[in-house]
Structures are given as C-alpha cells and as structure tokens.
Amino acid sequence: RIDVWYIENWSIWLDINIILLTII
C-alpha cells in the first residue's frame, strides 16, 4: 500500500526526504 502511494506521489524532493529519514 505504501509502495503504491510512493509511485503515485513521486517527486525528487520526496526521494531526498526519504533518504534523510533513512539516515536518521
């Protein structure tokens, strides 16, 4: 469900946000 949401709402800023949260 969350993966599908990501596909439908992708943006480069979302990717950067996910990377930052992953590091945290």
mmCIF file of all heavy atoms, coordinates in Angstrom:
data_MODEL
# 
_entry.id   MODEL 
# 
loop_
_atom_site.group_PDB 
_atom_site.id 
_atom_site.type_symbol 
_atom_site.label_atom_id 
_atom_site.label_alt_id 
_atom_site.label_comp_id 
_atom_site.label_asym_id 
_atom_site.label_entity_id 
_atom_site.label_seq_id 
_atom_site.pdbx_PDB_ins_code 
_atom_site.Cartn_x 
_atom_site.Cartn_y 
_atom_site.Cartn_z 
_atom_site.occupancy 
_atom_site.B_iso_or_equiv 
_atom_site.pdbx_formal_charge 
_atom_site.auth_seq_id 
_atom_site.auth_comp_id 
_atom_site.auth_asym_id 
_atom_site.auth_atom_id 
_atom_site.pdbx_PDB_model_num 
ATOM 1   N N   . ARG A 1 1  ? 0.829  -1.209 0.000   1.00 0.00 ? 1  ARG A N   1 
ATOM 2   C CA  . ARG A 1 1  ? 0.000  0.000  0.000   1.00 0.00 ? 1  ARG A CA  1 
ATOM 3   C C   . ARG A 1 1  ? 0.866  1.263  0.000   1.00 0.00 ? 1  ARG A C   1 
ATOM 4   O O   . ARG A 1 1  ? 0.611  2.209  -0.757  1.00 0.00 ? 1  ARG A O   1 
ATOM 5   C CB  . ARG A 1 1  ? -0.912 -0.007 1.227   1.00 0.00 ? 1  ARG A CB  1 
ATOM 6   C CG  . ARG A 1 1  ? -1.878 1.181  1.275   1.00 0.00 ? 1  ARG A CG  1 
ATOM 7   C CD  . ARG A 1 1  ? -2.786 1.137  2.491   1.00 0.00 ? 1  ARG A CD  1 
ATOM 8   N NE  . ARG A 1 1  ? -2.050 1.314  3.737   1.00 0.00 ? 1  ARG A NE  1 
ATOM 9   C CZ  . ARG A 1 1  ? -1.786 0.347  4.600   1.00 0.00 ? 1  ARG A CZ  1 
ATOM 10  N NH1 . ARG A 1 1  ? -2.207 -0.891 4.367   1.00 0.00 ? 1  ARG A NH1 1 
ATOM 11  N NH2 . ARG A 1 1  ? -1.113 0.588  5.712   1.00 0.00 ? 1  ARG A NH2 1 
ATOM 12  N N   . ILE A 1 2  ? 1.899  1.272  0.821   1.00 0.00 ? 2  ILE A N   1 
ATOM 13  C CA  . ILE A 1 2  ? 2.772  2.447  0.904   1.00 0.00 ? 2  ILE A CA  1 
ATOM 14  C C   . ILE A 1 2  ? 3.642  2.570  -0.346  1.00 0.00 ? 2  ILE A C   1 
ATOM 15  O O   . ILE A 1 2  ? 3.905  3.673  -0.836  1.00 0.00 ? 2  ILE A O   1 
ATOM 16  C CB  . ILE A 1 2  ? 3.633  2.380  2.177   1.00 0.00 ? 2  ILE A CB  1 
ATOM 17  C CG1 . ILE A 1 2  ? 2.722  2.480  3.406   1.00 0.00 ? 2  ILE A CG1 1 
ATOM 18  C CG2 . ILE A 1 2  ? 4.666  3.497  2.206   1.00 0.00 ? 2  ILE A CG2 1 
ATOM 19  C CD1 . ILE A 1 2  ? 3.433  2.305  4.721   1.00 0.00 ? 2  ILE A CD1 1 
ATOM 20  N N   . ASP A 1 3  ? 4.088  1.440  -0.896  1.00 0.00 ? 3  ASP A N   1 
ATOM 21  C CA  . ASP A 1 3  ? 4.876  1.470  -2.133  1.00 0.00 ? 3  ASP A CA  1 
ATOM 22  C C   . ASP A 1 3  ? 4.056  2.052  -3.288  1.00 0.00 ? 3  ASP A C   1 
ATOM 23  O O   . ASP A 1 3  ? 4.572  2.829  -4.103  1.00 0.00 ? 3  ASP A O   1 
ATOM 24  C CB  . ASP A 1 3  ? 5.350  0.058  -2.495  1.00 0.00 ? 3  ASP A CB  1 
ATOM 25  C CG  . ASP A 1 3  ? 6.521  -0.396 -1.636  1.00 0.00 ? 3  ASP A CG  1 
ATOM 26  O OD1 . ASP A 1 3  ? 7.222  0.459  -1.073  1.00 0.00 ? 3  ASP A OD1 1 
ATOM 27  O OD2 . ASP A 1 3  ? 6.729  -1.623 -1.521  1.00 0.00 ? 3  ASP A OD2 1 
ATOM 28  N N   . VAL A 1 4  ? 2.777  1.677  -3.359  1.00 0.00 ? 4  VAL A N   1 
ATOM 29  C CA  . VAL A 1 4  ? 1.895  2.200  -4.418  1.00 0.00 ? 4  VAL A CA  1 
ATOM 30  C C   . VAL A 1 4  ? 1.699  3.697  -4.219  1.00 0.00 ? 4  VAL A C   1 
ATOM 31  O O   . VAL A 1 4  ? 1.704  4.471  -5.187  1.00 0.00 ? 4  VAL A O   1 
ATOM 32  C CB  . VAL A 1 4  ? 0.547  1.456  -4.429  1.00 0.00 ? 4  VAL A CB  1 
ATOM 33  C CG1 . VAL A 1 4  ? -0.437 2.140  -5.379  1.00 0.00 ? 4  VAL A CG1 1 
ATOM 34  C CG2 . VAL A 1 4  ? 0.740  0.002  -4.851  1.00 0.00 ? 4  VAL A CG2 1 
ATOM 35  N N   . TRP A 1 5  ? 1.545  4.120  -2.961  1.00 0.00 ? 5  TRP A N   1 
ATOM 36  C CA  . TRP A 1 5  ? 1.409  5.562  -2.681  1.00 0.00 ? 5  TRP A CA  1 
ATOM 37  C C   . TRP A 1 5  ? 2.658  6.306  -3.170  1.00 0.00 ? 5  TRP A C   1 
ATOM 38  O O   . TRP A 1 5  ? 2.549  7.395  -3.751  1.00 0.00 ? 5  TRP A O   1 
ATOM 39  C CB  . TRP A 1 5  ? 1.234  5.789  -1.182  1.00 0.00 ? 5  TRP A CB  1 
ATOM 40  C CG  . TRP A 1 5  ? 1.024  7.232  -0.827  1.00 0.00 ? 5  TRP A CG  1 
ATOM 41  C CD1 . TRP A 1 5  ? -0.157 7.891  -0.705  1.00 0.00 ? 5  TRP A CD1 1 
ATOM 42  C CD2 . TRP A 1 5  ? 2.054  8.215  -0.594  1.00 0.00 ? 5  TRP A CD2 1 
ATOM 43  N NE1 . TRP A 1 5  ? 0.054  9.212  -0.397  1.00 0.00 ? 5  TRP A NE1 1 
ATOM 44  C CE2 . TRP A 1 5  ? 1.407  9.443  -0.324  1.00 0.00 ? 5  TRP A CE2 1 
ATOM 45  C CE3 . TRP A 1 5  ? 3.442  8.181  -0.574  1.00 0.00 ? 5  TRP A CE3 1 
ATOM 46  C CZ2 . TRP A 1 5  ? 2.105  10.616 -0.048  1.00 0.00 ? 5  TRP A CZ2 1 
ATOM 47  C CZ3 . TRP A 1 5  ? 4.139  9.347  -0.303  1.00 0.00 ? 5  TRP A CZ3 1 
ATOM 48  C CH2 . TRP A 1 5  ? 3.483  10.550 -0.046  1.00 0.00 ? 5  TRP A CH2 1 
ATOM 49  N N   . TYR A 1 6  ? 3.828  5.728  -2.934  1.00 0.00 ? 6  TYR A N   1 
ATOM 50  C CA  . TYR A 1 6  ? 5.073  6.362  -3.380  1.00 0.00 ? 6  TYR A CA  1 
ATOM 51  C C   . TYR A 1 6  ? 5.092  6.521  -4.903  1.00 0.00 ? 6  TYR A C   1 
ATOM 52  O O   . TYR A 1 6  ? 5.453  7.583  -5.415  1.00 0.00 ? 6  TYR A O   1 
ATOM 53  C CB  . TYR A 1 6  ? 6.269  5.516  -2.929  1.00 0.00 ? 6  TYR A CB  1 
ATOM 54  C CG  . TYR A 1 6  ? 7.576  5.917  -3.585  1.00 0.00 ? 6  TYR A CG  1 
ATOM 55  C CD1 . TYR A 1 6  ? 8.300  7.007  -3.137  1.00 0.00 ? 6  TYR A CD1 1 
ATOM 56  C CD2 . TYR A 1 6  ? 8.071  5.191  -4.669  1.00 0.00 ? 6  TYR A CD2 1 
ATOM 57  C CE1 . TYR A 1 6  ? 9.490  7.388  -3.749  1.00 0.00 ? 6  TYR A CE1 1 
ATOM 58  C CE2 . TYR A 1 6  ? 9.260  5.557  -5.284  1.00 0.00 ? 6  TYR A CE2 1 
ATOM 59  C CZ  . TYR A 1 6  ? 9.962  6.662  -4.824  1.00 0.00 ? 6  TYR A CZ  1 
ATOM 60  O OH  . TYR A 1 6  ? 11.127 7.033  -5.446  1.00 0.00 ? 6  TYR A OH  1 
ATOM 61  N N   . ILE A 1 7  ? 4.670  5.478  -5.612  1.00 0.00 ? 7  ILE A N   1 
ATOM 62  C CA  . ILE A 1 7  ? 4.661  5.519  -7.076  1.00 0.00 ? 7  ILE A CA  1 
ATOM 63  C C   . ILE A 1 7  ? 3.730  6.623  -7.580  1.00 0.00 ? 7  ILE A C   1 
ATOM 64  O O   . ILE A 1 7  ? 4.040  7.332  -8.542  1.00 0.00 ? 7  ILE A O   1 
ATOM 65  C CB  . ILE A 1 7  ? 4.240  4.144  -7.645  1.00 0.00 ? 7  ILE A CB  1 
ATOM 66  C CG1 . ILE A 1 7  ? 5.328  3.102  -7.355  1.00 0.00 ? 7  ILE A CG1 1 
ATOM 67  C CG2 . ILE A 1 7  ? 3.967  4.221  -9.151  1.00 0.00 ? 7  ILE A CG2 1 
ATOM 68  C CD1 . ILE A 1 7  ? 4.904  1.677  -7.649  1.00 0.00 ? 7  ILE A CD1 1 
ATOM 69  N N   . GLU A 1 8  ? 2.593  6.792  -6.901  1.00 0.00 ? 8  GLU A N   1 
ATOM 70  C CA  . GLU A 1 8  ? 1.605  7.781  -7.334  1.00 0.00 ? 8  GLU A CA  1 
ATOM 71  C C   . GLU A 1 8  ? 1.979  9.206  -6.936  1.00 0.00 ? 8  GLU A C   1 
ATOM 72  O O   . GLU A 1 8  ? 1.442  10.163 -7.501  1.00 0.00 ? 8  GLU A O   1 
ATOM 73  C CB  . GLU A 1 8  ? 0.238  7.434  -6.736  1.00 0.00 ? 8  GLU A CB  1 
ATOM 74  C CG  . GLU A 1 8  ? -0.341 6.135  -7.255  1.00 0.00 ? 8  GLU A CG  1 
ATOM 75  C CD  . GLU A 1 8  ? -1.645 5.748  -6.573  1.00 0.00 ? 8  GLU A CD  1 
ATOM 76  O OE1 . GLU A 1 8  ? -1.960 6.337  -5.513  1.00 0.00 ? 8  GLU A OE1 1 
ATOM 77  O OE2 . GLU A 1 8  ? -2.344 4.870  -7.100  1.00 0.00 ? 8  GLU A OE2 1 
ATOM 78  N N   . ASN A 1 9  ? 2.878  9.356  -5.967  1.00 0.00 ? 9  ASN A N   1 
ATOM 79  C CA  . ASN A 1 9  ? 3.194  10.688 -5.450  1.00 0.00 ? 9  ASN A CA  1 
ATOM 80  C C   . ASN A 1 9  ? 4.672  11.042 -5.574  1.00 0.00 ? 9  ASN A C   1 
ATOM 81  O O   . ASN A 1 9  ? 5.150  11.955 -4.893  1.00 0.00 ? 9  ASN A O   1 
ATOM 82  C CB  . ASN A 1 9  ? 2.774  10.783 -3.979  1.00 0.00 ? 9  ASN A CB  1 
ATOM 83  C CG  . ASN A 1 9  ? 1.284  10.694 -3.788  1.00 0.00 ? 9  ASN A CG  1 
ATOM 84  O OD1 . ASN A 1 9  ? 0.570  11.690 -3.839  1.00 0.00 ? 9  ASN A OD1 1 
ATOM 85  N ND2 . ASN A 1 9  ? 0.775  9.486  -3.569  1.00 0.00 ? 9  ASN A ND2 1 
ATOM 86  N N   . TRP A 1 10 ? 5.390  10.360 -6.447  1.00 0.00 ? 10 TRP A N   1 
ATOM 87  C CA  . TRP A 1 10 ? 6.833  10.564 -6.534  1.00 0.00 ? 10 TRP A CA  1 
ATOM 88  C C   . TRP A 1 10 ? 7.181  12.012 -6.867  1.00 0.00 ? 10 TRP A C   1 
ATOM 89  O O   . TRP A 1 10 ? 6.512  12.692 -7.660  1.00 0.00 ? 10 TRP A O   1 
ATOM 90  C CB  . TRP A 1 10 ? 7.454  9.674  -7.614  1.00 0.00 ? 10 TRP A CB  1 
ATOM 91  C CG  . TRP A 1 10 ? 8.924  9.960  -7.764  1.00 0.00 ? 10 TRP A CG  1 
ATOM 92  C CD1 . TRP A 1 10 ? 9.938  9.391  -7.082  1.00 0.00 ? 10 TRP A CD1 1 
ATOM 93  C CD2 . TRP A 1 10 ? 9.525  10.939 -8.644  1.00 0.00 ? 10 TRP A CD2 1 
ATOM 94  N NE1 . TRP A 1 10 ? 11.142 9.941  -7.461  1.00 0.00 ? 10 TRP A NE1 1 
ATOM 95  C CE2 . TRP A 1 10 ? 10.922 10.894 -8.413  1.00 0.00 ? 10 TRP A CE2 1 
ATOM 96  C CE3 . TRP A 1 10 ? 9.021  11.835 -9.569  1.00 0.00 ? 10 TRP A CE3 1 
ATOM 97  C CZ2 . TRP A 1 10 ? 11.809 11.713 -9.102  1.00 0.00 ? 10 TRP A CZ2 1 
ATOM 98  C CZ3 . TRP A 1 10 ? 9.913  12.667 -10.242 1.00 0.00 ? 10 TRP A CZ3 1 
ATOM 99  C CH2 . TRP A 1 10 ? 11.294 12.588 -10.015 1.00 0.00 ? 10 TRP A CH2 1 
ATOM 100 N N   . SER A 1 11 ? 8.260  12.478 -6.246  1.00 0.00 ? 11 SER A N   1 
ATOM 101 C CA  . SER A 1 11 ? 8.932  13.712 -6.634  1.00 0.00 ? 11 SER A CA  1 
ATOM 102 C C   . SER A 1 11 ? 10.375 13.584 -6.167  1.00 0.00 ? 11 SER A C   1 
ATOM 103 O O   . SER A 1 11 ? 10.677 12.782 -5.273  1.00 0.00 ? 11 SER A O   1 
ATOM 104 C CB  . SER A 1 11 ? 8.276  14.950 -5.999  1.00 0.00 ? 11 SER A CB  1 
ATOM 105 O OG  . SER A 1 11 ? 8.558  14.998 -4.620  1.00 0.00 ? 11 SER A OG  1 
ATOM 106 N N   . ILE A 1 12 ? 11.272 14.352 -6.736  1.00 0.00 ? 12 ILE A N   1 
ATOM 107 C CA  . ILE A 1 12 ? 12.676 14.276 -6.339  1.00 0.00 ? 12 ILE A CA  1 
ATOM 108 C C   . ILE A 1 12 ? 12.839 14.723 -4.889  1.00 0.00 ? 12 ILE A C   1 
ATOM 109 O O   . ILE A 1 12 ? 13.689 14.215 -4.154  1.00 0.00 ? 12 ILE A O   1 
ATOM 110 C CB  . ILE A 1 12 ? 13.570 15.128 -7.283  1.00 0.00 ? 12 ILE A CB  1 
ATOM 111 C CG1 . ILE A 1 12 ? 15.054 14.811 -7.057  1.00 0.00 ? 12 ILE A CG1 1 
ATOM 112 C CG2 . ILE A 1 12 ? 13.285 16.603 -7.113  1.00 0.00 ? 12 ILE A CG2 1 
ATOM 113 C CD1 . ILE A 1 12 ? 15.440 13.378 -7.349  1.00 0.00 ? 12 ILE A CD1 1 
ATOM 114 N N   . TRP A 1 13 ? 11.963 15.646 -4.451  1.00 0.00 ? 13 TRP A N   1 
ATOM 115 C CA  . TRP A 1 13 ? 12.016 16.107 -3.064  1.00 0.00 ? 13 TRP A CA  1 
ATOM 116 C C   . TRP A 1 13 ? 11.554 15.006 -2.117  1.00 0.00 ? 13 TRP A C   1 
ATOM 117 O O   . TRP A 1 13 ? 12.055 14.907 -0.990  1.00 0.00 ? 13 TRP A O   1 
ATOM 118 C CB  . TRP A 1 13 ? 11.165 17.369 -2.898  1.00 0.00 ? 13 TRP A CB  1 
ATOM 119 C CG  . TRP A 1 13 ? 11.483 18.404 -3.923  1.00 0.00 ? 13 TRP A CG  1 
ATOM 120 C CD1 . TRP A 1 13 ? 10.660 18.875 -4.904  1.00 0.00 ? 13 TRP A CD1 1 
ATOM 121 C CD2 . TRP A 1 13 ? 12.737 19.079 -4.115  1.00 0.00 ? 13 TRP A CD2 1 
ATOM 122 N NE1 . TRP A 1 13 ? 11.308 19.798 -5.686  1.00 0.00 ? 13 TRP A NE1 1 
ATOM 123 C CE2 . TRP A 1 13 ? 12.583 19.946 -5.221  1.00 0.00 ? 13 TRP A CE2 1 
ATOM 124 C CE3 . TRP A 1 13 ? 13.961 19.044 -3.450  1.00 0.00 ? 13 TRP A CE3 1 
ATOM 125 C CZ2 . TRP A 1 13 ? 13.611 20.762 -5.669  1.00 0.00 ? 13 TRP A CZ2 1 
ATOM 126 C CZ3 . TRP A 1 13 ? 14.986 19.853 -3.908  1.00 0.00 ? 13 TRP A CZ3 1 
ATOM 127 C CH2 . TRP A 1 13 ? 14.813 20.699 -5.006  1.00 0.00 ? 13 TRP A CH2 1 
ATOM 128 N N   . LEU A 1 14 ? 10.599 14.193 -2.559  1.00 0.00 ? 14 LEU A N   1 
ATOM 129 C CA  . LEU A 1 14 ? 10.167 13.060 -1.738  1.00 0.00 ? 14 LEU A CA  1 
ATOM 130 C C   . LEU A 1 14 ? 11.319 12.068 -1.584  1.00 0.00 ? 14 LEU A C   1 
ATOM 131 O O   . LEU A 1 14 ? 11.553 11.534 -0.490  1.00 0.00 ? 14 LEU A O   1 
ATOM 132 C CB  . LEU A 1 14 ? 8.955  12.372 -2.377  1.00 0.00 ? 14 LEU A CB  1 
ATOM 133 C CG  . LEU A 1 14 ? 8.419  11.125 -1.660  1.00 0.00 ? 14 LEU A CG  1 
ATOM 134 C CD1 . LEU A 1 14 ? 7.972  11.462 -0.245  1.00 0.00 ? 14 LEU A CD1 1 
ATOM 135 C CD2 . LEU A 1 14 ? 7.258  10.503 -2.457  1.00 0.00 ? 14 LEU A CD2 1 
ATOM 136 N N   . ASP A 1 15 ? 12.060 11.820 -2.667  1.00 0.00 ? 15 ASP A N   1 
ATOM 137 C CA  . ASP A 1 15 ? 13.228 10.934 -2.593  1.00 0.00 ? 15 ASP A CA  1 
ATOM 138 C C   . ASP A 1 15 ? 14.256 11.452 -1.594  1.00 0.00 ? 15 ASP A C   1 
ATOM 139 O O   . ASP A 1 15 ? 14.795 10.690 -0.771  1.00 0.00 ? 15 ASP A O   1 
ATOM 140 C CB  . ASP A 1 15 ? 13.875 10.791 -3.977  1.00 0.00 ? 15 ASP A CB  1 
ATOM 141 C CG  . ASP A 1 15 ? 13.191 9.728  -4.832  1.00 0.00 ? 15 ASP A CG  1 
ATOM 142 O OD1 . ASP A 1 15 ? 12.177 9.171  -4.366  1.00 0.00 ? 15 ASP A OD1 1 
ATOM 143 O OD2 . ASP A 1 15 ? 13.666 9.459  -5.944  1.00 0.00 ? 15 ASP A OD2 1 
ATOM 144 N N   . ILE A 1 16 ? 14.539 12.752 -1.661  1.00 0.00 ? 16 ILE A N   1 
ATOM 145 C CA  . ILE A 1 16 ? 15.520 13.345 -0.746  1.00 0.00 ? 16 ILE A CA  1 
ATOM 146 C C   . ILE A 1 16 ? 15.039 13.226 0.692   1.00 0.00 ? 16 ILE A C   1 
ATOM 147 O O   . ILE A 1 16 ? 15.815 12.912 1.608   1.00 0.00 ? 16 ILE A O   1 
ATOM 148 C CB  . ILE A 1 16 ? 15.774 14.822 -1.118  1.00 0.00 ? 16 ILE A CB  1 
ATOM 149 C CG1 . ILE A 1 16 ? 16.491 14.900 -2.485  1.00 0.00 ? 16 ILE A CG1 1 
ATOM 150 C CG2 . ILE A 1 16 ? 16.596 15.535 -0.043  1.00 0.00 ? 16 ILE A CG2 1 
ATOM 151 C CD1 . ILE A 1 16 ? 16.596 16.302 -3.049  1.00 0.00 ? 16 ILE A CD1 1 
ATOM 152 N N   . ASN A 1 17 ? 13.759 13.455 0.897   1.00 0.00 ? 17 ASN A N   1 
ATOM 153 C CA  . ASN A 1 17 ? 13.176 13.345 2.236   1.00 0.00 ? 17 ASN A CA  1 
ATOM 154 C C   . ASN A 1 17 ? 13.302 11.915 2.775   1.00 0.00 ? 17 ASN A C   1 
ATOM 155 O O   . ASN A 1 17 ? 13.661 11.700 3.946   1.00 0.00 ? 17 ASN A O   1 
ATOM 156 C CB  . ASN A 1 17 ? 11.705 13.756 2.186   1.00 0.00 ? 17 ASN A CB  1 
ATOM 157 C CG  . ASN A 1 17 ? 11.044 13.711 3.546   1.00 0.00 ? 17 ASN A CG  1 
ATOM 158 O OD1 . ASN A 1 17 ? 11.540 14.262 4.514   1.00 0.00 ? 17 ASN A OD1 1 
ATOM 159 N ND2 . ASN A 1 17 ? 9.917  13.035 3.627   1.00 0.00 ? 17 ASN A ND2 1 
ATOM 160 N N   . ILE A 1 18 ? 13.032 10.923 1.929   1.00 0.00 ? 18 ILE A N   1 
ATOM 161 C CA  . ILE A 1 18 ? 13.130 9.515  2.338   1.00 0.00 ? 18 ILE A CA  1 
ATOM 162 C C   . ILE A 1 18 ? 14.575 9.160  2.689   1.00 0.00 ? 18 ILE A C   1 
ATOM 163 O O   . ILE A 1 18 ? 14.828 8.450  3.667   1.00 0.00 ? 18 ILE A O   1 
ATOM 164 C CB  . ILE A 1 18 ? 12.591 8.594  1.227   1.00 0.00 ? 18 ILE A CB  1 
ATOM 165 C CG1 . ILE A 1 18 ? 11.067 8.757  1.104   1.00 0.00 ? 18 ILE A CG1 1 
ATOM 166 C CG2 . ILE A 1 18 ? 12.935 7.133  1.510   1.00 0.00 ? 18 ILE A CG2 1 
ATOM 167 C CD1 . ILE A 1 18 ? 10.465 8.050  -0.092  1.00 0.00 ? 18 ILE A CD1 1 
ATOM 168 N N   . ILE A 1 19 ? 15.525 9.662  1.906   1.00 0.00 ? 19 ILE A N   1 
ATOM 169 C CA  . ILE A 1 19 ? 16.942 9.403  2.179   1.00 0.00 ? 19 ILE A CA  1 
ATOM 170 C C   . ILE A 1 19 ? 17.346 9.990  3.533   1.00 0.00 ? 19 ILE A C   1 
ATOM 171 O O   . ILE A 1 19 ? 18.020 9.338  4.338   1.00 0.00 ? 19 ILE A O   1 
ATOM 172 C CB  . ILE A 1 19 ? 17.832 9.977  1.053   1.00 0.00 ? 19 ILE A CB  1 
ATOM 173 C CG1 . ILE A 1 19 ? 17.628 9.175  -0.239  1.00 0.00 ? 19 ILE A CG1 1 
ATOM 174 C CG2 . ILE A 1 19 ? 19.308 9.948  1.453   1.00 0.00 ? 19 ILE A CG2 1 
ATOM 175 C CD1 . ILE A 1 19 ? 18.251 9.805  -1.459  1.00 0.00 ? 19 ILE A CD1 1 
ATOM 176 N N   . LEU A 1 20 ? 16.925 11.232 3.806   1.00 0.00 ? 20 LEU A N   1 
ATOM 177 C CA  . LEU A 1 20 ? 17.239 11.874 5.083   1.00 0.00 ? 20 LEU A CA  1 
ATOM 178 C C   . LEU A 1 20 ? 16.645 11.095 6.254   1.00 0.00 ? 20 LEU A C   1 
ATOM 179 O O   . LEU A 1 20 ? 17.311 10.867 7.269   1.00 0.00 ? 20 LEU A O   1 
ATOM 180 C CB  . LEU A 1 20 ? 16.726 13.318 5.093   1.00 0.00 ? 20 LEU A CB  1 
ATOM 181 C CG  . LEU A 1 20 ? 17.432 14.301 4.147   1.00 0.00 ? 20 LEU A CG  1 
ATOM 182 C CD1 . LEU A 1 20 ? 16.707 15.644 4.150   1.00 0.00 ? 20 LEU A CD1 1 
ATOM 183 C CD2 . LEU A 1 20 ? 18.883 14.500 4.560   1.00 0.00 ? 20 LEU A CD2 1 
ATOM 184 N N   . LEU A 1 21 ? 15.391 10.667 6.118   1.00 0.00 ? 21 LEU A N   1 
ATOM 185 C CA  . LEU A 1 21 ? 14.742 9.901  7.185   1.00 0.00 ? 21 LEU A CA  1 
ATOM 186 C C   . LEU A 1 21 ? 15.383 8.526  7.356   1.00 0.00 ? 21 LEU A C   1 
ATOM 187 O O   . LEU A 1 21 ? 15.453 7.999  8.473   1.00 0.00 ? 21 LEU A O   1 
ATOM 188 C CB  . LEU A 1 21 ? 13.246 9.754  6.887   1.00 0.00 ? 21 LEU A CB  1 
ATOM 189 C CG  . LEU A 1 21 ? 12.420 11.041 7.001   1.00 0.00 ? 21 LEU A CG  1 
ATOM 190 C CD1 . LEU A 1 21 ? 10.981 10.801 6.552   1.00 0.00 ? 21 LEU A CD1 1 
ATOM 191 C CD2 . LEU A 1 21 ? 12.436 11.570 8.428   1.00 0.00 ? 21 LEU A CD2 1 
ATOM 192 N N   . THR A 1 22 ? 15.869 7.945  6.251   1.00 0.00 ? 22 THR A N   1 
ATOM 193 C CA  . THR A 1 22 ? 16.577 6.663  6.331   1.00 0.00 ? 22 THR A CA  1 
ATOM 194 C C   . THR A 1 22 ? 17.865 6.811  7.121   1.00 0.00 ? 22 THR A C   1 
ATOM 195 O O   . THR A 1 22 ? 18.186 5.968  7.976   1.00 0.00 ? 22 THR A O   1 
ATOM 196 C CB  . THR A 1 22 ? 16.888 6.129  4.911   1.00 0.00 ? 22 THR A CB  1 
ATOM 197 O OG1 . THR A 1 22 ? 15.661 5.944  4.195   1.00 0.00 ? 22 THR A OG1 1 
ATOM 198 C CG2 . THR A 1 22 ? 17.638 4.806  4.987   1.00 0.00 ? 22 THR A CG2 1 
ATOM 199 N N   . ILE A 1 23 ? 18.605 7.880  6.856   1.00 0.00 ? 23 ILE A N   1 
ATOM 200 C CA  . ILE A 1 23 ? 19.855 8.132  7.583   1.00 0.00 ? 23 ILE A CA  1 
ATOM 201 C C   . ILE A 1 23 ? 19.576 8.294  9.075   1.00 0.00 ? 23 ILE A C   1 
ATOM 202 O O   . ILE A 1 23 ? 20.287 7.742  9.924   1.00 0.00 ? 23 ILE A O   1 
ATOM 203 C CB  . ILE A 1 23 ? 20.567 9.379  7.018   1.00 0.00 ? 23 ILE A CB  1 
ATOM 204 C CG1 . ILE A 1 23 ? 21.024 9.116  5.580   1.00 0.00 ? 23 ILE A CG1 1 
ATOM 205 C CG2 . ILE A 1 23 ? 21.750 9.771  7.895   1.00 0.00 ? 23 ILE A CG2 1 
ATOM 206 C CD1 . ILE A 1 23 ? 21.525 10.348 4.860   1.00 0.00 ? 23 ILE A CD1 1 
ATOM 207 N N   . ILE A 1 24 ? 18.515 9.038  9.397   1.00 0.00 ? 24 ILE A N   1 
ATOM 208 C CA  . ILE A 1 24 ? 18.139 9.226  10.810  1.00 0.00 ? 24 ILE A CA  1 
ATOM 209 C C   . ILE A 1 24 ? 17.801 7.890  11.452  1.00 0.00 ? 24 ILE A C   1 
ATOM 210 O O   . ILE A 1 24 ? 18.209 7.602  12.586  1.00 0.00 ? 24 ILE A O   1 
ATOM 211 C CB  . ILE A 1 24 ? 16.945 10.201 10.915  1.00 0.00 ? 24 ILE A CB  1 
ATOM 212 C CG1 . ILE A 1 24 ? 17.379 11.603 10.490  1.00 0.00 ? 24 ILE A CG1 1 
ATOM 213 C CG2 . ILE A 1 24 ? 16.385 10.220 12.336  1.00 0.00 ? 24 ILE A CG2 1 
ATOM 214 C CD1 . ILE A 1 24 ? 16.252 12.596 10.351  1.00 0.00 ? 24 ILE A CD1 1 
# 
